Protein backbone atom coordinates (compact mmCIF):
# COMPACT_ATOMS: atom_id res chain seq x y z
CA MET A 1 8.17 -18.89 -3.90
CA ASN A 2 7.69 -20.75 -0.64
CA GLU A 3 4.80 -23.18 -0.44
CA LEU A 4 2.80 -22.67 2.75
CA ASN A 5 2.37 -25.70 4.95
CA GLU A 6 -0.70 -24.70 6.93
CA SER A 7 -0.43 -27.72 9.22
CA ALA A 8 2.82 -26.25 10.58
CA LEU A 9 1.15 -22.95 11.52
CA PRO A 10 -1.38 -21.91 14.18
CA ALA A 11 -5.03 -22.03 13.13
CA SER A 12 -5.30 -19.81 10.05
CA CYS A 13 -7.60 -16.80 9.79
CA VAL A 14 -9.78 -15.88 6.86
CA VAL A 15 -11.76 -12.75 6.00
CA THR A 16 -15.42 -13.59 5.52
CA GLY A 17 -16.97 -10.12 5.80
CA MET A 18 -16.10 -6.53 4.93
CA GLY A 19 -17.97 -3.28 5.39
CA TRP A 20 -17.22 0.40 5.56
CA VAL A 21 -18.58 3.92 5.75
CA THR A 22 -16.41 6.42 3.86
CA PRO A 23 -16.50 9.95 2.42
CA LEU A 24 -17.13 8.35 -1.00
CA GLY A 25 -20.03 6.18 0.15
CA ASN A 26 -20.84 3.01 2.03
CA SER A 27 -20.84 0.27 -0.63
CA VAL A 28 -17.56 -1.63 -0.76
CA SER A 29 -17.83 -2.28 -4.49
CA ASP A 30 -18.99 1.24 -5.41
CA VAL A 31 -16.31 3.01 -3.36
CA TRP A 32 -13.67 0.65 -4.72
CA ASN A 33 -14.72 1.52 -8.28
CA ASP A 34 -14.55 5.22 -7.40
CA LEU A 35 -10.99 4.74 -6.11
CA LEU A 36 -10.02 3.00 -9.35
CA LYS A 37 -11.47 5.95 -11.29
CA GLY A 38 -9.47 8.45 -9.23
CA GLU A 39 -12.43 10.01 -7.44
CA SER A 40 -11.82 12.03 -4.27
CA GLY A 41 -13.93 12.59 -1.17
CA LEU A 42 -12.00 15.68 -0.06
CA ARG A 43 -14.20 18.77 0.19
CA GLU A 44 -14.10 22.32 1.51
CA MET A 45 -15.20 22.34 5.16
CA PRO A 46 -15.07 25.78 6.81
CA SER A 47 -13.56 25.86 10.30
CA GLY A 48 -14.61 28.01 13.24
CA VAL A 49 -10.95 28.65 14.05
CA PRO A 50 -8.00 29.32 11.71
CA VAL A 51 -6.49 26.10 10.33
CA ARG A 52 -3.91 25.43 7.63
CA SER A 53 -6.50 24.01 5.24
CA ASN A 54 -10.27 24.01 4.93
CA LEU A 55 -10.17 20.65 3.19
CA ALA A 56 -11.55 17.55 4.94
CA ALA A 57 -13.04 14.21 3.91
CA ILE A 58 -16.40 13.95 5.66
CA VAL A 59 -18.96 11.12 5.63
CA PRO A 60 -21.94 12.75 3.90
CA THR A 61 -24.60 10.42 5.31
CA VAL A 62 -24.16 11.50 8.96
CA PRO A 63 -25.24 15.09 9.82
CA LEU A 64 -22.47 17.42 10.98
CA ASN A 65 -24.78 19.08 13.51
CA GLU A 66 -24.65 15.93 15.65
CA SER A 67 -21.95 15.61 18.32
CA PRO A 68 -18.69 13.87 17.34
CA HIS A 69 -19.55 11.06 19.77
CA ALA A 70 -22.98 10.52 18.19
CA ARG A 71 -21.56 10.69 14.67
CA GLN A 72 -18.91 8.08 15.45
CA LEU A 73 -21.50 5.73 16.89
CA GLU A 74 -23.67 6.03 13.77
CA ILE A 75 -20.70 5.45 11.46
CA THR A 76 -19.51 2.46 13.49
CA VAL A 77 -22.88 0.72 13.75
CA ALA A 78 -23.58 1.13 10.04
CA ALA A 79 -20.20 -0.30 9.02
CA VAL A 80 -20.40 -3.25 11.43
CA ASN A 81 -23.89 -4.19 10.28
CA SER A 82 -22.72 -4.07 6.66
CA ALA A 83 -19.78 -6.38 7.38
CA LEU A 84 -21.93 -8.80 9.38
CA ALA A 85 -24.42 -8.99 6.51
CA ASP A 86 -21.55 -9.66 4.11
CA ALA A 87 -20.25 -12.45 6.36
CA GLY A 88 -23.70 -13.90 6.97
CA ILE A 89 -23.23 -14.04 10.72
CA SER A 90 -24.85 -12.47 13.78
CA ILE A 91 -23.03 -10.35 16.33
CA ASP A 92 -24.49 -12.46 19.15
CA ALA A 93 -23.49 -15.82 17.65
CA ASP A 94 -21.45 -18.22 19.77
CA GLY A 95 -17.71 -17.55 19.77
CA VAL A 96 -17.89 -13.98 18.38
CA GLU A 97 -15.73 -11.15 19.76
CA LEU A 98 -16.14 -7.44 19.02
CA ILE A 99 -12.92 -5.37 18.84
CA LEU A 100 -13.13 -1.63 18.24
CA GLY A 101 -10.20 0.64 17.42
CA THR A 102 -10.00 4.46 17.41
CA SER A 103 -7.61 7.33 18.13
CA TYR A 104 -9.31 9.97 20.28
CA ALA A 105 -12.82 9.37 18.93
CA GLY A 106 -14.86 12.46 19.87
CA ASN A 107 -13.33 12.90 23.30
CA LEU A 108 -11.29 16.02 22.54
CA ASP A 109 -14.50 17.90 21.71
CA ASP A 110 -17.08 16.29 23.99
CA PRO A 111 -16.44 16.74 27.72
CA GLU A 112 -19.54 14.69 28.54
CA VAL A 113 -17.86 11.49 27.34
CA PRO A 114 -15.87 10.09 30.29
CA SER A 115 -13.43 7.73 28.54
CA LEU A 116 -12.31 6.24 25.25
CA TYR A 117 -14.07 3.02 26.22
CA GLU A 118 -17.49 4.68 26.48
CA TRP A 119 -18.04 4.75 22.73
CA ALA A 120 -17.10 1.07 22.45
CA GLN A 121 -19.60 0.09 25.12
CA GLN A 122 -22.36 2.12 23.51
CA ALA A 123 -21.58 0.76 20.05
CA ALA A 124 -21.76 -2.79 21.42
CA GLU A 125 -25.12 -2.09 23.04
CA ARG A 126 -26.57 -0.65 19.83
CA LEU A 127 -25.31 -3.63 17.86
CA GLY A 128 -26.74 -6.13 20.35
CA PHE A 129 -23.36 -7.59 21.29
CA PRO A 130 -23.93 -9.55 24.51
CA GLY A 131 -20.44 -9.23 26.03
CA ALA A 132 -17.96 -6.50 26.92
CA PRO A 133 -16.18 -5.36 23.74
CA LEU A 134 -12.43 -4.87 23.48
CA CYS A 135 -11.18 -1.37 22.63
CA VAL A 136 -7.83 -0.55 21.00
CA THR A 137 -6.44 3.00 21.06
CA THR A 138 -3.02 2.88 19.40
CA ALA A 139 -3.33 6.15 17.47
CA CYS A 140 -3.44 5.75 13.67
CA SER A 141 -2.66 2.03 13.82
CA ALA A 142 -5.71 1.27 16.01
CA GLY A 143 -7.78 -0.23 13.19
CA SER A 144 -4.92 -2.48 12.08
CA ASP A 145 -4.25 -3.46 15.67
CA SER A 146 -7.88 -4.52 16.11
CA VAL A 147 -7.26 -7.00 13.25
CA LEU A 148 -3.98 -8.12 14.81
CA MET A 149 -5.71 -8.71 18.15
CA GLY A 150 -8.53 -10.60 16.46
CA ALA A 151 -6.08 -12.87 14.69
CA GLU A 152 -4.34 -13.71 17.96
CA LEU A 153 -7.64 -14.53 19.67
CA ILE A 154 -8.65 -16.84 16.82
CA ARG A 155 -5.28 -18.57 16.50
CA SER A 156 -5.17 -19.18 20.25
CA GLY A 157 -8.55 -20.90 20.05
CA ARG A 158 -10.23 -18.41 22.40
CA ARG A 159 -12.60 -17.08 19.71
CA LYS A 160 -14.04 -18.43 16.47
CA VAL A 161 -14.97 -15.08 14.92
CA CYS A 162 -13.69 -11.55 15.56
CA VAL A 163 -15.41 -8.43 14.26
CA CYS A 164 -12.48 -6.01 13.88
CA VAL A 165 -13.35 -2.33 13.67
CA GLY A 166 -11.50 0.91 13.01
CA SER A 167 -13.60 4.06 13.42
CA ASP A 168 -12.93 7.78 13.78
CA VAL A 169 -14.43 11.19 13.05
CA VAL A 170 -13.19 14.63 12.04
CA THR A 171 -13.62 17.14 14.86
CA PRO A 172 -12.66 20.83 15.31
CA ALA A 173 -10.07 19.92 17.97
CA LYS A 174 -8.36 17.39 15.70
CA ARG A 175 -8.24 19.86 12.83
CA LEU A 176 -6.76 22.55 15.08
CA GLY A 177 -4.30 20.11 16.66
CA HIS A 178 -2.92 18.85 13.36
CA SER A 179 -2.80 22.39 12.03
CA LEU A 180 -0.67 23.47 14.98
CA LEU A 181 1.54 20.38 14.66
CA GLY A 182 2.25 21.33 11.06
CA THR A 183 1.11 17.94 9.73
CA MET A 184 -1.82 19.40 7.77
CA THR A 185 -1.33 20.42 4.15
CA THR A 186 -1.93 23.92 2.89
CA GLU A 187 -3.17 22.42 -0.40
CA GLY A 188 -4.16 18.87 -1.42
CA LEU A 189 -2.86 15.58 -0.04
CA ARG A 190 -0.22 14.26 -2.45
CA SER A 191 1.30 11.05 -1.11
CA PHE A 192 4.83 10.37 -2.41
CA ASP A 193 4.71 13.37 -4.76
CA SER A 194 7.61 15.81 -4.99
CA ARG A 195 5.16 18.59 -3.95
CA HIS A 196 3.80 16.81 -0.87
CA ASN A 197 3.38 19.12 2.11
CA GLY A 198 0.97 17.49 4.52
CA MET A 199 -2.20 15.53 5.11
CA VAL A 200 -5.96 16.15 5.13
CA LEU A 201 -8.13 14.75 7.89
CA GLY A 202 -10.81 12.24 6.99
CA GLU A 203 -13.28 10.04 8.81
CA GLY A 204 -15.15 6.79 8.49
CA ALA A 205 -15.20 3.21 9.66
CA GLY A 206 -13.87 -0.03 8.23
CA VAL A 207 -14.84 -3.48 9.50
CA ILE A 208 -13.22 -6.83 8.79
CA VAL A 209 -14.85 -10.06 9.96
CA LEU A 210 -12.11 -12.56 10.76
CA GLU A 211 -12.87 -16.21 11.22
CA SER A 212 -10.94 -19.37 11.81
CA ALA A 213 -10.61 -21.31 8.57
CA ALA A 214 -12.24 -24.33 10.21
CA HIS A 215 -15.26 -22.32 11.38
CA ALA A 216 -15.69 -20.73 7.95
CA ARG A 217 -15.56 -24.16 6.28
CA MET A 218 -18.07 -25.54 8.76
CA ARG A 219 -20.67 -22.94 7.77
CA SER A 220 -19.63 -22.82 4.08
CA ALA A 221 -18.83 -19.11 4.28
CA PRO A 222 -17.38 -17.38 1.21
CA VAL A 223 -13.82 -16.12 1.82
CA HIS A 224 -12.51 -12.75 0.62
CA ALA A 225 -8.91 -13.27 1.71
CA LEU A 226 -6.57 -15.17 3.99
CA LEU A 227 -4.83 -13.23 6.74
CA ARG A 228 -1.37 -14.79 6.52
CA GLY A 229 0.58 -12.77 9.01
CA GLU A 230 0.66 -9.74 11.28
CA GLY A 231 3.55 -7.81 12.75
CA SER A 232 3.87 -4.78 14.99
CA ALA A 233 6.73 -2.76 16.44
CA ASN A 234 7.23 0.58 18.16
CA ASP A 235 10.17 2.85 17.40
CA ALA A 236 9.71 4.92 20.63
CA ALA A 237 11.36 7.85 18.82
CA GLY A 238 8.87 10.53 19.82
CA MET A 239 5.24 11.45 20.38
CA THR A 240 4.61 12.39 16.75
CA ALA A 241 7.73 12.08 14.56
CA PRO A 242 8.77 8.58 13.42
CA ASP A 243 12.28 7.16 13.50
CA PRO A 244 13.77 8.30 10.17
CA SER A 245 15.70 5.04 9.79
CA GLY A 246 12.46 3.08 9.31
CA ALA A 247 13.84 0.24 11.44
CA SER A 248 10.57 -0.24 13.30
CA VAL A 249 8.53 -0.34 10.09
CA VAL A 250 10.93 -2.93 8.67
CA LEU A 251 10.66 -4.98 11.86
CA ALA A 252 6.85 -4.96 11.75
CA VAL A 253 6.89 -6.18 8.15
CA GLU A 254 9.53 -8.82 8.86
CA ARG A 255 7.40 -10.12 11.73
CA SER A 256 4.37 -10.37 9.46
CA LEU A 257 6.43 -12.26 6.89
CA ALA A 258 7.83 -14.63 9.51
CA ASP A 259 4.27 -15.22 10.75
CA SER A 260 3.06 -15.97 7.22
CA GLY A 261 5.66 -18.43 5.99
CA ILE A 262 6.20 -16.55 2.72
CA SER A 263 9.00 -14.22 1.61
CA ALA A 264 9.26 -10.56 0.65
CA ASP A 265 9.67 -11.66 -2.98
CA ASP A 266 6.09 -12.94 -2.91
CA ILE A 267 4.57 -9.53 -2.07
CA ALA A 268 2.86 -8.11 -5.15
CA VAL A 269 1.24 -4.97 -3.74
CA VAL A 270 1.60 -2.67 -0.73
CA CYS A 271 -1.05 -0.33 0.61
CA ALA A 272 1.18 2.31 2.21
CA HIS A 273 0.26 4.64 5.06
CA GLY A 274 0.95 7.52 2.66
CA THR A 275 -0.03 10.56 4.72
CA GLY A 276 1.55 13.02 2.31
CA THR A 277 3.77 14.58 4.98
CA PRO A 278 7.41 14.80 3.87
CA VAL A 279 8.58 13.04 7.04
CA ASN A 280 6.19 10.09 6.79
CA ASP A 281 6.68 9.64 3.06
CA ALA A 282 10.46 9.63 3.50
CA VAL A 283 10.30 7.01 6.26
CA GLU A 284 8.09 4.75 4.15
CA ALA A 285 10.36 5.15 1.12
CA THR A 286 13.39 4.21 3.24
CA SER A 287 11.59 1.24 4.80
CA LEU A 288 10.31 -0.10 1.49
CA ARG A 289 13.77 0.15 -0.05
CA LYS A 290 15.26 -1.88 2.81
CA LEU A 291 12.54 -4.50 2.45
CA PHE A 292 12.15 -4.81 -1.32
CA GLY A 293 15.10 -3.03 -2.92
CA SER A 294 14.48 -0.69 -5.85
CA GLY A 295 13.15 -1.03 -9.37
CA ASP A 296 10.10 -1.78 -11.47
CA ARG A 297 10.09 -5.47 -10.51
CA GLY A 298 9.15 -4.77 -6.88
CA PRO A 299 5.60 -4.62 -5.52
CA VAL A 300 3.35 -1.83 -6.72
CA VAL A 301 2.74 0.69 -3.91
CA TYR A 302 -0.40 2.79 -3.55
CA GLY A 303 -2.19 4.85 -0.89
CA THR A 304 -5.78 6.02 -0.47
CA LYS A 305 -5.53 9.09 1.78
CA GLY A 306 -5.57 11.50 -1.17
CA ALA A 307 -9.06 10.19 -1.91
CA LEU A 308 -10.42 9.36 1.56
CA GLY A 309 -8.36 11.64 3.82
CA HIS A 310 -6.42 10.47 6.86
CA SER A 311 -9.07 8.83 9.03
CA LEU A 312 -6.67 8.28 11.97
CA GLY A 313 -7.85 5.24 13.96
CA ALA A 314 -10.06 4.06 11.08
CA CYS A 315 -7.48 4.04 8.30
CA GLY A 316 -6.01 0.61 9.15
CA THR A 317 -9.19 -1.34 8.48
CA ILE A 318 -10.35 0.85 5.59
CA GLU A 319 -7.02 0.44 3.83
CA ALA A 320 -6.88 -3.29 4.56
CA ILE A 321 -10.19 -3.64 2.74
CA THR A 322 -8.74 -1.81 -0.28
CA LEU A 323 -5.76 -4.18 -0.24
CA ILE A 324 -8.08 -7.20 -0.25
CA LYS A 325 -9.97 -5.68 -3.19
CA ALA A 326 -6.67 -5.06 -5.00
CA LEU A 327 -5.80 -8.75 -4.61
CA GLU A 328 -9.30 -9.84 -5.62
CA GLU A 329 -9.38 -7.77 -8.80
CA GLY A 330 -5.69 -7.61 -9.69
CA LEU A 331 -5.61 -3.80 -9.71
CA ALA A 332 -4.09 -1.11 -7.49
CA PRO A 333 -5.90 2.25 -7.56
CA PRO A 334 -4.07 5.40 -8.65
CA VAL A 335 -2.63 7.59 -5.92
CA GLN A 336 -4.83 10.68 -5.85
CA GLY A 337 -2.80 13.88 -6.34
CA LEU A 338 0.38 12.08 -7.42
CA GLU A 339 1.96 13.51 -10.57
CA THR A 340 5.74 13.59 -10.08
CA PRO A 341 7.04 10.97 -7.61
CA MET A 342 9.60 12.05 -5.02
CA ASP A 343 13.13 11.44 -6.30
CA ASP A 344 14.08 8.63 -3.94
CA PHE A 345 10.89 6.53 -4.01
CA PRO A 346 12.12 3.02 -4.80
CA LEU A 347 9.10 1.16 -6.18
CA PRO A 348 6.42 1.54 -8.87
CA LEU A 349 3.43 3.79 -8.11
CA PRO A 350 0.08 3.98 -9.95
CA ILE A 351 -0.10 7.48 -11.48
CA GLY A 352 -3.31 8.61 -13.15
CA SER A 353 -4.73 5.12 -13.68
CA PRO A 354 -4.79 1.73 -11.94
CA SER A 355 -1.73 -0.53 -12.05
CA PRO A 356 -1.95 -4.32 -12.50
CA VAL A 357 -1.30 -6.55 -9.49
CA THR A 358 0.08 -9.85 -10.76
CA GLY A 359 0.70 -11.77 -7.52
CA THR A 360 -1.49 -13.20 -4.80
CA SER A 361 -0.16 -11.59 -1.59
CA GLY A 362 0.03 -8.02 -0.30
CA LEU A 363 0.80 -5.84 2.71
CA SER A 364 -1.17 -3.11 4.41
CA LEU A 365 0.98 -0.73 6.49
CA THR A 366 -0.01 1.75 9.19
CA LEU A 367 2.34 4.15 10.96
CA GLY A 368 0.89 5.77 14.06
CA PHE A 369 1.83 8.63 16.36
CA GLY A 370 3.85 7.38 19.30
CA GLY A 371 5.77 5.01 17.01
CA PHE A 372 3.01 2.40 16.60
CA ASN A 373 3.72 0.53 13.35
CA THR A 374 1.65 -2.42 12.15
CA ALA A 375 1.82 -4.65 9.06
CA LEU A 376 -0.98 -6.96 7.92
CA LEU A 377 -0.25 -9.57 5.22
CA PHE A 378 -3.14 -10.93 3.16
CA SER A 379 -3.32 -13.49 0.36
CA ARG A 380 -5.97 -14.14 -2.24
CA PRO A 381 -7.88 -17.41 -1.72
CA GLY A 382 -6.88 -20.06 -4.18
CA GLY A 383 -3.46 -18.48 -4.78
CA SER A 384 -0.20 -20.37 -4.92
CA HIS A 385 0.40 -19.86 -1.19
CA GLU A 386 -2.83 -21.37 0.06
């Protein structure tokens, strides 16, 4: 293993706050325990138009009779306030930036909303953020890219703290669109299973409070994890289908590793994008094989979309939080719906029960429409790479 010389790197980033709103609840610890137990938030949700599946993962605490725009604002504000409380910091403190990521938010269903920036502005106002927030709209990687952007702002010295948000909601237009695209399952979401045939839409918000290590030390803030590296790449292969070679995914991961100063051999766990579509699962399997080889000695790979649905622009931050919890507790949750792994999957998967995580570093991967691929590399505080 490579020892990290932090003095040779840009200012390091640490995670001091986490919060989310999910179909399984809003408490980070409670939802994490539900994931370890194999609970699922997927439910029957009748549609006004024919769709491939009536399943969806809906946040139960926000009424469905509200507009998509209003629901997303409520979900976002609740998750941000939870993360700020966890970090022990105020949104209007000196040196704080607010970065919000989404896919289409509620815009496909709400003609009264003029732009994808409108929801970000309104969320900032409700939260009491004094500046103009940043908004990231890179499809399903938007949440991860909000973290990537926050890290760059902190390492450059322009900000001390970045509140990085991924938020999205299920809407009739999104359900119809994915049904017509053929990406939606006709049954359950089974990531990396031989029977996989599509995804189920979900919703929610995940928030990660990033801070420079120096600023966190100055205020004696507890640290959940160290953000070691970030990498992104775009395969430019098509509007929806990824490059089957996985070259762009590999490049994103290699960039995160180069940024971190550690090697692929040090990765103990991977939170995969895991949409359950045959195309996406095949690309991830190919990419992971190129990065880590094959066999039981490689990192354990899991995914959460069988339990939480595919929350589009929110999944990057939600899944990054699960990765941090996996490193904290040394456990990877079982992949909901996985019984018989696809023949060519190269690495160990948790089936039916949690798998142990024995190392201190892990990757969270997101693969977005339009070829947006992002890798975030976290390490446990106090590990051998600190």
